[in-house]
Amino acid sequence: MPLEHTIIYHARCPVVIWLPSETAFAFAVETGLLGRNPIAGVRRPSVEQRTPTTWDAETARSFLAATADDRLAALWALALTRGLRRGELAGLRWAAVDFAEGAIRVVHTLVMVDGHPQESTPKTSAGRRTVPLDEQLVALLRARRTVPLEERMRLGLGRDENGYVFTSELGDPLSPDWVSDRFEQLTKAAALPKIRLHDTRHTAASLMLGAGVQPKVVQEMLGHSHVSITLATCGHVTPSMGREAGAALSASLLG
């Protein structure tokens, strides 16, 4: 239950208690600050939890194969293999890419404000993180490095000065909403099951967990504040994962 602050007035002195609301009011009754609990018996509306839609490994591979020649191929690969948020991908700058170490630093994001992309920073300290890259991702980013300059030269424009890794053909920062729309178009063109761009994040996490990666590692990769968030939102079992786990147990017990 998230922590909330409840202000209780007693003898003209406000007392701020940082506790869940139910606990705060119960505390007030026990200590005499209130005569009765004003929310006792109140029913909270039930909230139906949405089960994230994800791709299995085969579908994810099919999408990456279908988009291998797309000018944003490296973006889609980072989304599905490292679970970066769309704002983190749109806000990634070359200065945050360390080719020698094979890593990127997530220090900037792009968010939509009044219909326009605006630079921001990760909301939490966990969101500000270093994400490791393998040789294949490094190669994709190196290939991407030459694309903006070639595009701008072809259009007769000057050198790109903003330093973003992923841009429009004119060198402008990508709108996170546009990235989502483009992902939907590519998914439809590849005749693959429809998921949201944000669901690639769940896909990456679920596939890592299914491959035996420790939840703590997945948590830090995705930038979640707590491992419980990772398990709650990304730790569901896909049909293929269930079949594989069941087959492995049957083989162990039944020989």
C-alpha atoms as a PDB file:
ATOM      1  CA  MET A   1       0.000   0.000   0.000  1.00  0.00           C
ATOM      2  CA  PRO A   2       1.504   3.380  -0.976  1.00  0.00           C
ATOM      3  CA  LEU A   3       2.335   5.824   1.767  1.00  0.00           C
ATOM      4  CA  GLU A   4       0.150   8.908   1.967  1.00  0.00           C
ATOM      5  CA  HIS A   5       0.225  11.881   4.288  1.00  0.00           C
ATOM      6  CA  THR A   6      -2.820  12.488   6.400  1.00  0.00           C
ATOM      7  CA  ILE A   7      -3.161  15.838   8.200  1.00  0.00           C
ATOM      8  CA  ILE A   8      -5.127  15.594  11.446  1.00  0.00           C
ATOM      9  CA  TYR A   9      -6.008  18.812  13.290  1.00  0.00           C
ATOM     10  CA  HIS A  10      -6.009  18.742  17.070  1.00  0.00           C
ATOM     11  CA  ALA A  11      -6.151  21.783  19.339  1.00  0.00           C
ATOM     12  CA  ARG A  12      -5.407  24.021  16.344  1.00  0.00           C
ATOM     13  CA  CYS A  13      -2.204  22.155  15.669  1.00  0.00           C
ATOM     14  CA  PRO A  14      -1.940  20.152  12.435  1.00  0.00           C
ATOM     15  CA  VAL A  15      -0.267  16.778  12.866  1.00  0.00           C
ATOM     16  CA  VAL A  16       1.154  15.308   9.668  1.00  0.00           C
ATOM     17  CA  ILE A  17       1.405  11.520   9.762  1.00  0.00           C
ATOM     18  CA  TRP A  18       3.171   9.721   6.903  1.00  0.00           C
ATOM     19  CA  LEU A  19       1.309   6.424   7.033  1.00  0.00           C
ATOM     20  CA  PRO A  20      -1.299   4.629   4.933  1.00  0.00           C
ATOM     21  CA  SER A  21      -4.611   6.454   5.444  1.00  0.00           C
ATOM     22  CA  GLU A  22      -6.286   3.590   7.308  1.00  0.00           C
ATOM     23  CA  THR A  23      -3.332   3.290   9.686  1.00  0.00           C
ATOM     24  CA  ALA A  24      -3.172   7.052  10.237  1.00  0.00           C
ATOM     25  CA  PHE A  25      -6.823   7.303  11.254  1.00  0.00           C
ATOM     26  CA  ALA A  26      -6.564   4.236  13.486  1.00  0.00           C
ATOM     27  CA  PHE A  27      -3.553   5.831  15.171  1.00  0.00           C
ATOM     28  CA  ALA A  28      -5.535   9.046  15.684  1.00  0.00           C
ATOM     29  CA  VAL A  29      -8.386   7.172  17.369  1.00  0.00           C
ATOM     30  CA  GLU A  30      -5.998   5.219  19.623  1.00  0.00           C
ATOM     31  CA  THR A  31      -4.211   8.378  20.768  1.00  0.00           C
ATOM     32  CA  GLY A  32      -7.387  10.407  21.259  1.00  0.00           C
ATOM     33  CA  LEU A  33      -6.849  12.804  18.374  1.00  0.00           C
ATOM     34  CA  LEU A  34     -10.128  11.601  16.866  1.00  0.00           C
ATOM     35  CA  GLY A  35     -13.236  10.223  18.510  1.00  0.00           C
ATOM     36  CA  ARG A  36     -13.971   7.821  15.688  1.00  0.00           C
ATOM     37  CA  ASN A  37     -12.411   6.585  12.484  1.00  0.00           C
ATOM     38  CA  PRO A  38     -14.161   8.558   9.694  1.00  0.00           C
ATOM     39  CA  ILE A  39     -13.297   5.992   7.006  1.00  0.00           C
ATOM     40  CA  ALA A  40     -14.173   2.879   9.006  1.00  0.00           C
ATOM     41  CA  GLY A  41     -16.403   0.656   6.915  1.00  0.00           C
ATOM     42  CA  VAL A  42     -15.780   2.569   3.709  1.00  0.00           C
ATOM     43  CA  ARG A  43     -15.233   0.223   0.800  1.00  0.00           C
ATOM     44  CA  ARG A  44     -12.608   1.138  -1.742  1.00  0.00           C
ATOM     45  CA  PRO A  45     -13.549   0.546  -5.366  1.00  0.00           C
ATOM     46  CA  SER A  46     -11.955  -2.580  -6.720  1.00  0.00           C
ATOM     47  CA  VAL A  47      -9.318  -2.095  -9.382  1.00  0.00           C
ATOM     48  CA  GLU A  48      -8.871  -4.756 -12.007  1.00  0.00           C
ATOM     49  CA  GLN A  49      -5.187  -5.422 -12.546  1.00  0.00           C
ATOM     50  CA  ARG A  50      -4.197  -5.470 -16.203  1.00  0.00           C
ATOM     51  CA  THR A  51      -2.020  -8.392 -17.181  1.00  0.00           C
ATOM     52  CA  PRO A  52       0.734  -7.053 -19.435  1.00  0.00           C
ATOM     53  CA  THR A  53       0.679  -8.367 -22.985  1.00  0.00           C
ATOM     54  CA  THR A  54       4.061  -9.675 -24.065  1.00  0.00           C
ATOM     55  CA  TRP A  55       5.712 -11.454 -26.944  1.00  0.00           C
ATOM     56  CA  ASP A  56       7.488 -14.747 -26.616  1.00  0.00           C
ATOM     57  CA  ALA A  57      11.097 -15.063 -27.775  1.00  0.00           C
ATOM     58  CA  GLU A  58      10.152 -16.307 -31.254  1.00  0.00           C
ATOM     59  CA  THR A  59       7.815 -13.358 -31.904  1.00  0.00           C
ATOM     60  CA  ALA A  60      10.385 -10.871 -30.611  1.00  0.00           C
ATOM     61  CA  ARG A  61      12.990 -12.377 -32.942  1.00  0.00           C
ATOM     62  CA  SER A  62      10.541 -12.124 -35.842  1.00  0.00           C
ATOM     63  CA  PHE A  63       9.988  -8.414 -35.169  1.00  0.00           C
ATOM     64  CA  LEU A  64      13.708  -7.660 -34.963  1.00  0.00           C
ATOM     65  CA  ALA A  65      14.322  -9.587 -38.174  1.00  0.00           C
ATOM     66  CA  ALA A  66      11.534  -7.702 -39.926  1.00  0.00           C
ATOM     67  CA  THR A  67      12.957  -4.334 -38.786  1.00  0.00           C
ATOM     68  CA  ALA A  68      16.648  -5.109 -39.334  1.00  0.00           C
ATOM     69  CA  ASP A  69      16.805  -2.605 -42.217  1.00  0.00           C
ATOM     70  CA  ASP A  70      14.706   0.062 -40.518  1.00  0.00           C
ATOM     71  CA  ARG A  71      16.581   3.298 -39.756  1.00  0.00           C
ATOM     72  CA  LEU A  72      15.679   2.812 -36.090  1.00  0.00           C
ATOM     73  CA  ALA A  73      16.696  -0.858 -35.909  1.00  0.00           C
ATOM     74  CA  ALA A  74      18.977  -0.166 -32.943  1.00  0.00           C
ATOM     75  CA  LEU A  75      16.120   1.484 -31.031  1.00  0.00           C
ATOM     76  CA  TRP A  76      13.856  -1.537 -31.444  1.00  0.00           C
ATOM     77  CA  ALA A  77      16.690  -3.844 -30.411  1.00  0.00           C
ATOM     78  CA  LEU A  78      17.343  -1.843 -27.233  1.00  0.00           C
ATOM     79  CA  ALA A  79      13.636  -1.841 -26.409  1.00  0.00           C
ATOM     80  CA  LEU A  80      13.298  -5.612 -26.710  1.00  0.00           C
ATOM     81  CA  THR A  81      16.649  -6.696 -25.256  1.00  0.00           C
ATOM     82  CA  ARG A  82      17.172  -4.111 -22.514  1.00  0.00           C
ATOM     83  CA  GLY A  83      13.636  -2.942 -21.731  1.00  0.00           C
ATOM     84  CA  LEU A  84      14.321   0.786 -22.003  1.00  0.00           C
ATOM     85  CA  ARG A  85      11.342   3.118 -21.767  1.00  0.00           C
ATOM     86  CA  ARG A  86      10.364   5.035 -24.891  1.00  0.00           C
ATOM     87  CA  GLY A  87      11.339   8.354 -23.301  1.00  0.00           C
ATOM     88  CA  GLU A  88      14.739   6.917 -22.373  1.00  0.00           C
ATOM     89  CA  LEU A  89      15.284   5.758 -25.948  1.00  0.00           C
ATOM     90  CA  ALA A  90      14.156   9.068 -27.446  1.00  0.00           C
ATOM     91  CA  GLY A  91      16.309  11.009 -24.971  1.00  0.00           C
ATOM     92  CA  LEU A  92      19.478   8.928 -25.403  1.00  0.00           C
ATOM     93  CA  ARG A  93      22.493  11.022 -26.459  1.00  0.00           C
ATOM     94  CA  TRP A  94      25.753   9.859 -27.977  1.00  0.00           C
ATOM     95  CA  ALA A  95      27.596  11.332 -25.001  1.00  0.00           C
ATOM     96  CA  ALA A  96      25.876   8.674 -22.866  1.00  0.00           C
ATOM     97  CA  VAL A  97      27.047   5.791 -25.081  1.00  0.00           C
ATOM     98  CA  ASP A  98      30.349   4.228 -24.020  1.00  0.00           C
ATOM     99  CA  PHE A  99      31.526   2.038 -26.885  1.00  0.00           C
ATOM    100  CA  ALA A 100      34.747   1.058 -25.125  1.00  0.00           C
ATOM    101  CA  GLU A 101      32.974  -0.233 -22.014  1.00  0.00           C
ATOM    102  CA  GLY A 102      29.945  -1.485 -23.879  1.00  0.00           C
ATOM    103  CA  ALA A 103      27.331   0.442 -21.896  1.00  0.00           C
ATOM    104  CA  ILE A 104      24.873   3.317 -22.041  1.00  0.00           C
ATOM    105  CA  ARG A 105      24.030   5.698 -19.217  1.00  0.00           C
ATOM    106  CA  VAL A 106      20.365   6.555 -18.793  1.00  0.00           C
ATOM    107  CA  VAL A 107      20.517  10.176 -17.655  1.00  0.00           C
ATOM    108  CA  HIS A 108      18.054  11.952 -19.968  1.00  0.00           C
ATOM    109  CA  THR A 109      14.532  11.260 -21.144  1.00  0.00           C
ATOM    110  CA  LEU A 110      12.086  12.949 -23.483  1.00  0.00           C
ATOM    111  CA  VAL A 111       8.521  13.416 -22.254  1.00  0.00           C
ATOM    112  CA  MET A 112       5.461  14.857 -23.939  1.00  0.00           C
ATOM    113  CA  VAL A 113       4.407  18.282 -22.636  1.00  0.00           C
ATOM    114  CA  ASP A 114       1.467  20.010 -24.339  1.00  0.00           C
ATOM    115  CA  GLY A 115       1.966  17.790 -27.357  1.00  0.00           C
ATOM    116  CA  HIS A 116       5.683  18.496 -27.725  1.00  0.00           C
ATOM    117  CA  PRO A 117       8.746  16.470 -26.648  1.00  0.00           C
ATOM    118  CA  GLN A 118      10.624  18.064 -23.772  1.00  0.00           C
ATOM    119  CA  GLU A 119      13.878  16.924 -22.207  1.00  0.00           C
ATOM    120  CA  SER A 120      13.696  15.684 -18.644  1.00  0.00           C
ATOM    121  CA  THR A 121      15.565  13.348 -16.312  1.00  0.00           C
ATOM    122  CA  PRO A 122      14.617   9.949 -14.847  1.00  0.00           C
ATOM    123  CA  LYS A 123      12.081  10.277 -12.037  1.00  0.00           C
ATOM    124  CA  THR A 124      14.019   8.160  -9.539  1.00  0.00           C
ATOM    125  CA  SER A 125      17.612   7.376  -8.669  1.00  0.00           C
ATOM    126  CA  ALA A 126      16.974   3.807  -9.844  1.00  0.00           C
ATOM    127  CA  GLY A 127      15.986   5.186 -13.236  1.00  0.00           C
ATOM    128  CA  ARG A 128      19.395   6.860 -13.555  1.00  0.00           C
ATOM    129  CA  ARG A 129      21.398   3.770 -14.356  1.00  0.00           C
ATOM    130  CA  THR A 130      24.059   2.195 -16.526  1.00  0.00           C
ATOM    131  CA  VAL A 131      22.818  -0.484 -18.922  1.00  0.00           C
ATOM    132  CA  PRO A 132      25.361  -2.991 -20.297  1.00  0.00           C
ATOM    133  CA  LEU A 133      25.558  -3.687 -24.011  1.00  0.00           C
ATOM    134  CA  ASP A 134      26.676  -6.847 -25.767  1.00  0.00           C
ATOM    135  CA  GLU A 135      28.708  -6.927 -28.983  1.00  0.00           C
ATOM    136  CA  GLN A 136      25.623  -7.107 -31.187  1.00  0.00           C
ATOM    137  CA  LEU A 137      24.066  -4.001 -29.649  1.00  0.00           C
ATOM    138  CA  VAL A 138      27.379  -2.140 -29.846  1.00  0.00           C
ATOM    139  CA  ALA A 139      27.569  -3.036 -33.553  1.00  0.00           C
ATOM    140  CA  LEU A 140      24.019  -1.787 -34.144  1.00  0.00           C
ATOM    141  CA  LEU A 141      24.801   1.511 -32.419  1.00  0.00           C
ATOM    142  CA  ARG A 142      28.048   1.928 -34.353  1.00  0.00           C
ATOM    143  CA  ALA A 143      26.099   1.428 -37.577  1.00  0.00           C
ATOM    144  CA  ARG A 144      23.543   3.961 -36.382  1.00  0.00           C
ATOM    145  CA  ARG A 145      26.308   6.489 -35.679  1.00  0.00           C
ATOM    146  CA  THR A 146      26.779   7.293 -39.364  1.00  0.00           C
ATOM    147  CA  VAL A 147      23.097   7.472 -40.319  1.00  0.00           C
ATOM    148  CA  PRO A 148      22.185  11.000 -39.105  1.00  0.00           C
ATOM    149  CA  LEU A 149      25.205  12.614 -40.787  1.00  0.00           C
ATOM    150  CA  GLU A 150      24.541  10.831 -44.086  1.00  0.00           C
ATOM    151  CA  GLU A 151      20.874  11.833 -44.014  1.00  0.00           C
ATOM    152  CA  ARG A 152      21.630  15.477 -43.270  1.00  0.00           C
ATOM    153  CA  MET A 153      24.305  15.651 -45.974  1.00  0.00           C
ATOM    154  CA  ARG A 154      21.843  14.202 -48.490  1.00  0.00           C
ATOM    155  CA  LEU A 155      19.337  16.908 -47.541  1.00  0.00           C
ATOM    156  CA  GLY A 156      21.963  19.637 -47.691  1.00  0.00           C
ATOM    157  CA  LEU A 157      21.809  20.342 -43.949  1.00  0.00           C
ATOM    158  CA  GLY A 158      24.660  21.044 -41.585  1.00  0.00           C
ATOM    159  CA  ARG A 159      26.111  18.759 -38.952  1.00  0.00           C
ATOM    160  CA  ASP A 160      23.727  17.585 -36.231  1.00  0.00           C
ATOM    161  CA  GLU A 161      24.299  19.587 -33.077  1.00  0.00           C
ATOM    162  CA  ASN A 162      21.793  18.083 -30.623  1.00  0.00           C
ATOM    163  CA  GLY A 163      23.636  14.789 -30.143  1.00  0.00           C
ATOM    164  CA  TYR A 164      20.606  12.518 -29.927  1.00  0.00           C
ATOM    165  CA  VAL A 165      21.149   8.903 -30.966  1.00  0.00           C
ATOM    166  CA  PHE A 166      17.696   8.531 -32.504  1.00  0.00           C
ATOM    167  CA  THR A 167      16.294  11.421 -34.512  1.00  0.00           C
ATOM    168  CA  SER A 168      14.041  12.213 -37.435  1.00  0.00           C
ATOM    169  CA  GLU A 169      15.607  12.386 -40.890  1.00  0.00           C
ATOM    170  CA  LEU A 170      15.947  16.143 -40.331  1.00  0.00           C
ATOM    171  CA  GLY A 171      17.876  15.529 -37.120  1.00  0.00           C
ATOM    172  CA  ASP A 172      15.084  16.579 -34.783  1.00  0.00           C
ATOM    173  CA  PRO A 173      14.440  14.737 -31.498  1.00  0.00           C
ATOM    174  CA  LEU A 174      11.855  11.982 -31.781  1.00  0.00           C
ATOM    175  CA  SER A 175       8.480  12.471 -30.153  1.00  0.00           C
ATOM    176  CA  PRO A 176       7.826   9.530 -27.794  1.00  0.00           C
ATOM    177  CA  ASP A 177       4.275   9.371 -29.180  1.00  0.00           C
ATOM    178  CA  TRP A 178       5.656   9.110 -32.709  1.00  0.00           C
ATOM    179  CA  VAL A 179       7.929   6.245 -31.634  1.00  0.00           C
ATOM    180  CA  SER A 180       4.880   4.387 -30.266  1.00  0.00           C
ATOM    181  CA  ASP A 181       2.952   4.978 -33.499  1.00  0.00           C
ATOM    182  CA  ARG A 182       5.896   3.797 -35.587  1.00  0.00           C
ATOM    183  CA  PHE A 183       6.201   0.643 -33.515  1.00  0.00           C
ATOM    184  CA  GLU A 184       2.521  -0.082 -34.079  1.00  0.00           C
ATOM    185  CA  GLN A 185       2.934   0.389 -37.843  1.00  0.00           C
ATOM    186  CA  LEU A 186       5.927  -1.942 -38.004  1.00  0.00           C
ATOM    187  CA  THR A 187       4.169  -4.574 -35.880  1.00  0.00           C
ATOM    188  CA  LYS A 188       1.159  -4.497 -38.193  1.00  0.00           C
ATOM    189  CA  ALA A 189       3.364  -4.656 -41.311  1.00  0.00           C
ATOM    190  CA  ALA A 190       5.119  -7.732 -39.903  1.00  0.00           C
ATOM    191  CA  ALA A 191       1.733  -9.377 -39.170  1.00  0.00           C
ATOM    192  CA  LEU A 192       2.665  -9.939 -35.524  1.00  0.00           C
ATOM    193  CA  PRO A 193       0.417  -9.904 -32.436  1.00  0.00           C
ATOM    194  CA  LYS A 194      -0.400  -6.339 -31.423  1.00  0.00           C
ATOM    195  CA  ILE A 195       1.237  -5.046 -28.253  1.00  0.00           C
ATOM    196  CA  ARG A 196       2.043  -1.558 -26.993  1.00  0.00           C
ATOM    197  CA  LEU A 197       5.563  -0.205 -27.246  1.00  0.00           C
ATOM    198  CA  HIS A 198       5.654  -0.189 -23.427  1.00  0.00           C
ATOM    199  CA  ASP A 199       4.938  -3.915 -23.527  1.00  0.00           C
ATOM    200  CA  THR A 200       8.343  -4.496 -25.123  1.00  0.00           C
ATOM    201  CA  ARG A 201       9.666  -3.537 -21.693  1.00  0.00           C
ATOM    202  CA  HIS A 202       7.586  -6.274 -20.088  1.00  0.00           C
ATOM    203  CA  THR A 203       8.653  -8.644 -22.843  1.00  0.00           C
ATOM    204  CA  ALA A 204      12.352  -8.022 -22.209  1.00  0.00           C
ATOM    205  CA  ALA A 205      11.930  -8.505 -18.467  1.00  0.00           C
ATOM    206  CA  SER A 206       9.837 -11.658 -18.788  1.00  0.00           C
ATOM    207  CA  LEU A 207      12.269 -13.235 -21.239  1.00  0.00           C
ATOM    208  CA  MET A 208      15.216 -12.430 -18.967  1.00  0.00           C
ATOM    209  CA  LEU A 209      13.439 -13.896 -15.947  1.00  0.00           C
ATOM    210  CA  GLY A 210      12.431 -16.932 -18.005  1.00  0.00           C
ATOM    211  CA  ALA A 211      16.048 -17.408 -19.033  1.00  0.00           C
ATOM    212  CA  GLY A 212      17.073 -17.605 -15.385  1.00  0.00           C
ATOM    213  CA  VAL A 213      18.413 -14.068 -14.917  1.00  0.00           C
ATOM    214  CA  GLN A 214      18.220 -13.080 -11.246  1.00  0.00           C
ATOM    215  CA  PRO A 215      15.289 -10.723 -10.496  1.00  0.00           C
ATOM    216  CA  LYS A 216      17.648  -8.205  -8.866  1.00  0.00           C
ATOM    217  CA  VAL A 217      19.638  -7.953 -12.102  1.00  0.00           C
ATOM    218  CA  VAL A 218      16.454  -7.463 -14.131  1.00  0.00           C
ATOM    219  CA  GLN A 219      15.285  -4.820 -11.664  1.00  0.00           C
ATOM    220  CA  GLU A 220      18.468  -2.796 -12.062  1.00  0.00           C
ATOM    221  CA  MET A 221      18.416  -3.233 -15.846  1.00  0.00           C
ATOM    222  CA  LEU A 222      14.890  -1.838 -16.079  1.00  0.00           C
ATOM    223  CA  GLY A 223      15.413   0.875 -13.469  1.00  0.00           C
ATOM    224  CA  HIS A 224      12.681  -0.256 -11.089  1.00  0.00           C
ATOM    225  CA  SER A 225      12.896   1.117  -7.550  1.00  0.00           C
ATOM    226  CA  HIS A 226      12.171  -2.262  -5.961  1.00  0.00           C
ATOM    227  CA  VAL A 227      12.463  -5.850  -7.140  1.00  0.00           C
ATOM    228  CA  SER A 228       8.840  -6.397  -6.086  1.00  0.00           C
ATOM    229  CA  ILE A 229       7.770  -4.050  -8.890  1.00  0.00           C
ATOM    230  CA  THR A 230       9.736  -6.120 -11.391  1.00  0.00           C
ATOM    231  CA  LEU A 231       8.148  -9.367 -10.243  1.00  0.00           C
ATOM    232  CA  ALA A 232       4.653  -7.899  -9.999  1.00  0.00           C
ATOM    233  CA  THR A 233       4.621  -6.312 -13.454  1.00  0.00           C
ATOM    234  CA  CYS A 234       6.942  -8.552 -15.446  1.00  0.00           C
ATOM    235  CA  GLY A 235       7.121 -11.871 -13.649  1.00  0.00           C
ATOM    236  CA  HIS A 236       4.050 -13.454 -15.178  1.00  0.00           C
ATOM    237  CA  VAL A 237       4.401 -16.772 -16.972  1.00  0.00           C
ATOM    238  CA  THR A 238       3.998 -16.914 -20.741  1.00  0.00           C
ATOM    239  CA  PRO A 239       2.554 -20.089 -22.303  1.00  0.00           C
ATOM    240  CA  SER A 240       5.926 -21.116 -23.733  1.00  0.00           C
ATOM    241  CA  MET A 241       7.636 -20.576 -20.388  1.00  0.00           C
ATOM    242  CA  GLY A 242       4.993 -22.722 -18.711  1.00  0.00           C
ATOM    243  CA  ARG A 243       5.403 -25.523 -21.218  1.00  0.00           C
ATOM    244  CA  GLU A 244       9.183 -25.476 -20.876  1.00  0.00           C
ATOM    245  CA  ALA A 245       9.046 -25.485 -17.074  1.00  0.00           C
ATOM    246  CA  GLY A 246       6.486 -28.285 -17.049  1.00  0.00           C
ATOM    247  CA  ALA A 247       8.470 -30.383 -19.508  1.00  0.00           C
ATOM    248  CA  ALA A 248      11.645 -29.916 -17.495  1.00  0.00           C
ATOM    249  CA  LEU A 249       9.940 -31.021 -14.265  1.00  0.00           C
ATOM    250  CA  SER A 250       8.317 -34.021 -15.959  1.00  0.00           C
ATOM    251  CA  ALA A 251      11.663 -35.085 -17.362  1.00  0.00           C
ATOM    252  CA  SER A 252      13.192 -34.797 -13.903  1.00  0.00           C
ATOM    253  CA  LEU A 253      10.462 -36.685 -12.050  1.00  0.00           C
ATOM    254  CA  LEU A 254       9.284 -39.138 -14.671  1.00  0.00           C
ATOM    255  CA  GLY A 255      12.634 -39.904 -16.266  1.00  0.00           C
END
